Protein backbone atom coordinates (compact mmCIF):
# COMPACT_ATOMS: atom_id res chain seq x y z
CA MET A 1 81.13 37.20 85.93
CA LYS A 2 83.44 36.45 83.03
CA GLU A 3 87.05 37.53 82.60
CA PHE A 4 89.10 37.79 79.41
CA SER A 5 92.76 38.49 78.71
CA ILE A 6 93.40 40.65 75.64
CA VAL A 7 96.71 41.20 73.84
CA ARG A 8 96.17 44.02 71.37
CA GLY A 9 98.88 43.14 68.83
CA LEU A 10 102.52 43.12 67.81
CA PHE A 11 103.34 46.50 69.36
CA ASP A 12 101.23 46.07 72.49
CA LYS A 13 101.79 42.63 73.96
CA ARG A 14 100.67 43.45 77.47
CA LYS A 15 97.85 41.24 78.69
CA ARG A 16 94.92 43.53 79.41
CA GLN A 17 92.09 42.42 81.67
CA LEU A 18 88.47 42.63 80.60
CA ILE A 19 85.81 41.89 83.23
CA ILE A 20 82.14 41.61 82.32
CA ASN A 21 79.49 40.96 84.94
CA GLU A 22 75.84 41.75 85.59
CA ASN A 23 76.68 45.21 86.96
CA PHE A 24 79.53 46.67 84.91
CA ILE A 25 82.24 46.37 82.26
CA LYS A 26 85.80 46.92 83.44
CA PHE A 27 88.55 47.10 80.82
CA GLU A 28 92.27 47.74 81.21
CA ASN A 29 92.56 50.10 78.27
CA LYS A 30 94.89 52.72 79.82
CA ASP A 31 98.62 52.80 80.49
CA GLN A 32 98.91 54.96 83.63
CA ASN A 33 99.80 52.73 86.58
CA ASN A 34 97.43 54.62 88.89
CA ASP A 35 94.57 54.63 86.38
CA LEU A 36 94.49 51.49 84.22
CA PHE A 37 90.79 50.72 83.90
CA THR A 38 87.70 52.21 82.31
CA ILE A 39 84.49 51.13 84.05
CA ILE A 40 80.99 51.49 82.63
CA SER A 41 78.00 50.46 84.73
CA LYS A 42 75.17 48.48 83.16
CA GLU A 43 72.81 51.43 83.61
CA GLU A 44 75.12 53.62 81.51
CA ILE A 45 75.32 51.23 78.54
CA THR A 46 73.07 52.26 75.64
CA GLY A 47 74.42 50.71 72.43
CA ILE A 48 77.00 48.66 70.60
CA ARG A 49 78.67 48.09 67.26
CA TYR A 50 81.25 45.47 66.38
CA GLY A 51 82.95 43.64 63.55
CA ILE A 52 86.24 42.93 61.79
CA HIS A 53 88.44 45.54 60.11
CA PHE A 54 90.76 43.93 57.57
CA ILE A 55 94.31 45.29 57.40
CA LYS A 56 95.68 45.71 53.88
CA GLY A 57 99.33 45.50 52.88
CA LEU A 58 100.79 46.75 49.60
CA GLU A 59 98.96 44.21 47.45
CA PHE A 60 96.76 42.06 49.66
CA TYR A 61 95.24 41.81 53.13
CA ILE A 62 97.76 40.83 55.78
CA GLY A 63 95.73 40.83 58.95
CA ARG A 64 92.59 41.83 60.78
CA GLU A 65 91.55 43.88 63.76
CA TYR A 66 88.60 42.75 65.85
CA GLN A 67 86.72 45.79 67.11
CA ILE A 68 83.94 46.24 69.67
CA PHE A 69 82.54 49.67 70.56
CA ILE A 70 80.31 50.01 73.62
CA ARG A 71 78.41 53.31 73.86
CA SER A 72 77.44 55.01 77.10
CA LYS A 73 74.71 57.56 77.82
CA SER A 74 77.23 60.36 77.38
CA GLY A 75 77.75 59.27 73.76
CA LYS A 76 81.33 58.16 74.36
CA GLU A 77 82.45 54.72 73.21
CA LEU A 78 84.68 52.22 74.95
CA LYS A 79 86.76 50.48 72.29
CA ILE A 80 87.87 46.89 72.83
CA PHE A 81 90.17 45.69 70.07
CA PHE A 82 92.96 43.30 69.17
CA LYS A 83 94.88 42.46 65.99
CA LEU A 84 96.38 39.46 64.28
CA PHE A 85 98.63 39.18 61.22
CA TYR A 86 99.10 36.45 58.62
CA LYS A 87 96.40 34.29 60.29
CA ARG A 88 98.58 33.73 63.35
CA LYS A 89 96.35 32.38 66.15
CA LEU A 90 93.31 33.00 63.93
CA LYS A 91 91.05 30.40 65.59
CA GLU A 92 92.06 31.53 69.06
CA LYS A 93 91.51 35.23 68.32
CA HIS A 94 88.23 34.65 66.51
CA LYS A 95 86.91 32.57 69.41
CA LEU A 96 87.93 35.31 71.84
CA PHE A 97 86.00 37.88 69.81
CA CYS A 98 82.89 35.67 69.63
CA ASP A 99 83.04 34.86 73.35
CA ILE A 100 83.25 38.55 74.29
CA VAL A 101 80.35 39.46 71.99
CA ASP A 102 78.21 36.59 73.30
CA THR A 103 78.92 37.65 76.89
CA LEU A 104 77.98 41.27 76.16
CA TRP A 105 74.67 40.09 74.72
CA GLU A 106 74.08 37.81 77.69
CA TYR A 107 74.67 40.48 80.33
CA TYR A 108 73.49 43.67 78.63
CA PHE A 109 72.18 43.72 75.11
CA ASN A 110 69.47 41.08 75.35
CA ASP A 111 67.86 43.37 77.92
CA ILE A 112 68.24 46.38 75.62
CA LEU A 113 66.80 44.40 72.69
CA ASN A 114 63.85 43.28 74.84
CA SER A 115 63.15 46.89 75.83
CA TYR A 116 62.76 47.79 72.14
CA ILE A 117 60.58 44.72 71.54
CA ASP A 118 58.36 45.79 74.46
CA GLN A 119 57.98 49.24 72.88
CA PHE A 120 57.12 47.63 69.56
CA ASN A 121 54.55 45.31 71.12
CA GLY A 122 53.10 48.27 73.00
CA ASN A 123 52.59 50.15 69.70
CA LYS A 124 54.99 52.89 70.75
CA ASN A 125 57.01 54.84 68.19
CA PHE A 126 60.78 54.72 68.69
CA MET A 127 64.05 55.30 66.83
CA LEU A 128 66.78 52.70 66.47
CA ALA A 129 69.87 53.02 64.25
CA GLY A 130 68.24 55.81 62.24
CA ILE A 131 65.05 53.81 61.64
CA LEU A 132 61.69 55.06 62.92
CA PHE A 133 59.44 52.23 64.09
CA LYS A 134 55.72 52.99 63.92
CA ASN A 135 52.58 50.93 64.45
CA THR A 136 52.39 49.54 60.92
CA CYS A 137 55.73 50.33 59.27
CA ILE A 138 59.31 51.50 59.50
CA GLN A 139 60.41 54.83 58.01
CA PHE A 140 63.85 56.02 56.89
CA ASP A 141 65.23 58.49 54.33
CA ASN A 142 61.70 59.60 53.37
CA LYS A 143 60.86 55.97 52.58
CA GLU A 144 58.44 53.56 54.20
CA ILE A 145 58.08 49.78 54.44
CA VAL A 146 55.05 48.14 56.02
CA TYR A 147 55.96 45.21 58.25
CA SER A 148 54.25 42.63 56.05
CA ASP A 149 56.54 43.67 53.14
CA LEU A 150 59.75 43.82 55.16
CA SER A 151 62.66 41.52 54.28
CA LEU A 152 66.39 41.22 54.97
CA LYS A 153 69.37 40.17 52.90
CA LYS A 154 72.25 39.16 55.16
CA TYR A 155 75.94 39.26 54.37
CA TYR A 156 79.06 38.76 56.48
CA HIS A 157 79.75 42.41 57.33
CA TYR A 158 76.37 44.02 56.63
CA PHE A 159 72.71 43.47 55.86
CA VAL A 160 70.17 45.17 53.62
CA LEU A 161 66.61 45.79 54.73
CA HIS A 162 64.20 46.20 51.85
CA SER A 163 60.62 46.00 50.65
CA THR A 164 59.55 42.76 49.00
CA LYS A 165 57.36 44.82 46.68
CA ASP A 166 59.97 47.36 45.63
CA GLN A 167 63.69 46.45 45.84
CA TYR A 168 64.62 50.12 45.38
CA ILE A 169 63.18 50.88 48.81
CA ASN A 170 66.11 49.64 50.86
CA LYS A 171 68.81 50.56 53.34
CA MET A 172 72.25 49.00 53.87
CA MET A 173 73.51 48.68 57.43
CA HIS A 174 77.09 47.74 58.42
CA TYR A 175 77.52 45.89 61.70
CA LEU A 176 80.78 47.68 62.51
CA LYS A 177 80.23 51.15 61.05
CA ASP A 178 76.57 51.83 61.84
CA LYS A 179 75.46 52.56 65.39
CA ASP A 180 73.31 49.75 66.82
CA ALA A 181 72.99 47.94 63.49
CA VAL A 182 73.45 44.63 65.32
CA ILE A 183 70.51 45.39 67.61
CA LEU A 184 68.45 46.58 64.64
CA ASN A 185 69.15 43.31 62.84
CA GLU A 186 67.83 41.31 65.79
CA ILE A 187 64.58 43.23 66.18
CA LEU A 188 63.89 43.15 62.44
CA ASN A 189 64.38 39.37 62.50
CA CYS A 190 61.82 39.13 65.30
CA ILE A 191 59.31 41.30 63.42
CA ILE A 192 59.72 39.37 60.16
CA LYS A 193 59.32 36.04 61.96
CA ASN A 194 56.14 37.24 63.67
CA GLU A 195 54.74 38.52 60.37
CA GLN A 196 55.44 35.15 58.74
CA LEU A 197 53.66 33.31 61.57
CA ARG A 198 50.72 35.69 61.34
CA ALA A 199 50.47 35.18 57.58
CA LYS A 200 50.57 31.39 58.05
CA GLU A 201 47.80 31.52 60.67
CA ILE A 202 45.61 33.56 58.32
CA SER A 203 46.34 31.11 55.48
CA ASP A 204 45.53 28.10 57.68
CA ARG A 205 42.22 29.61 58.77
CA ALA A 206 41.29 30.26 55.16
CA VAL A 207 41.70 26.57 54.20
């Protein structure tokens, strides 16, 4: 079990408790004394999105809000967030965000990722983040990319999946805005790595 203390920002300085263990998430996101916590069991957790929303002043960015959204089977999202302004406690806040995300992956989302990988290895069709995974390719927006032609371009807040043969066949995914984009990124990395190893084995046998 891991516990975190979250102060949301300038106008909400109360220390809110976040508990993450192998069975549930418990977050003090309410203000009623008799009902402070939202609890989601591991079995109810289905997806995640997270990232940084930059806060703009009149002429330039003055702060940032770290946001994590955890989706349950009902479709509702538990929002965990906290803000900072003018880089105050930047290292501390950024480390807190990374530690929470790493813990969520450790307790929940590695298992969810592995369940998708098992479906892929079992040649089962499935949908993830609006992408249809089939035996030989992915499909989206009436487009198709075979796995041997699949590639990723990664940026800080988003990534672009595309065909190595046709750059116009592509899709941009934002880690914060797009549902399960972070999980999609991980499984695509696994598929691309496996395709590269397979291509190398074929090349080595041909020598």
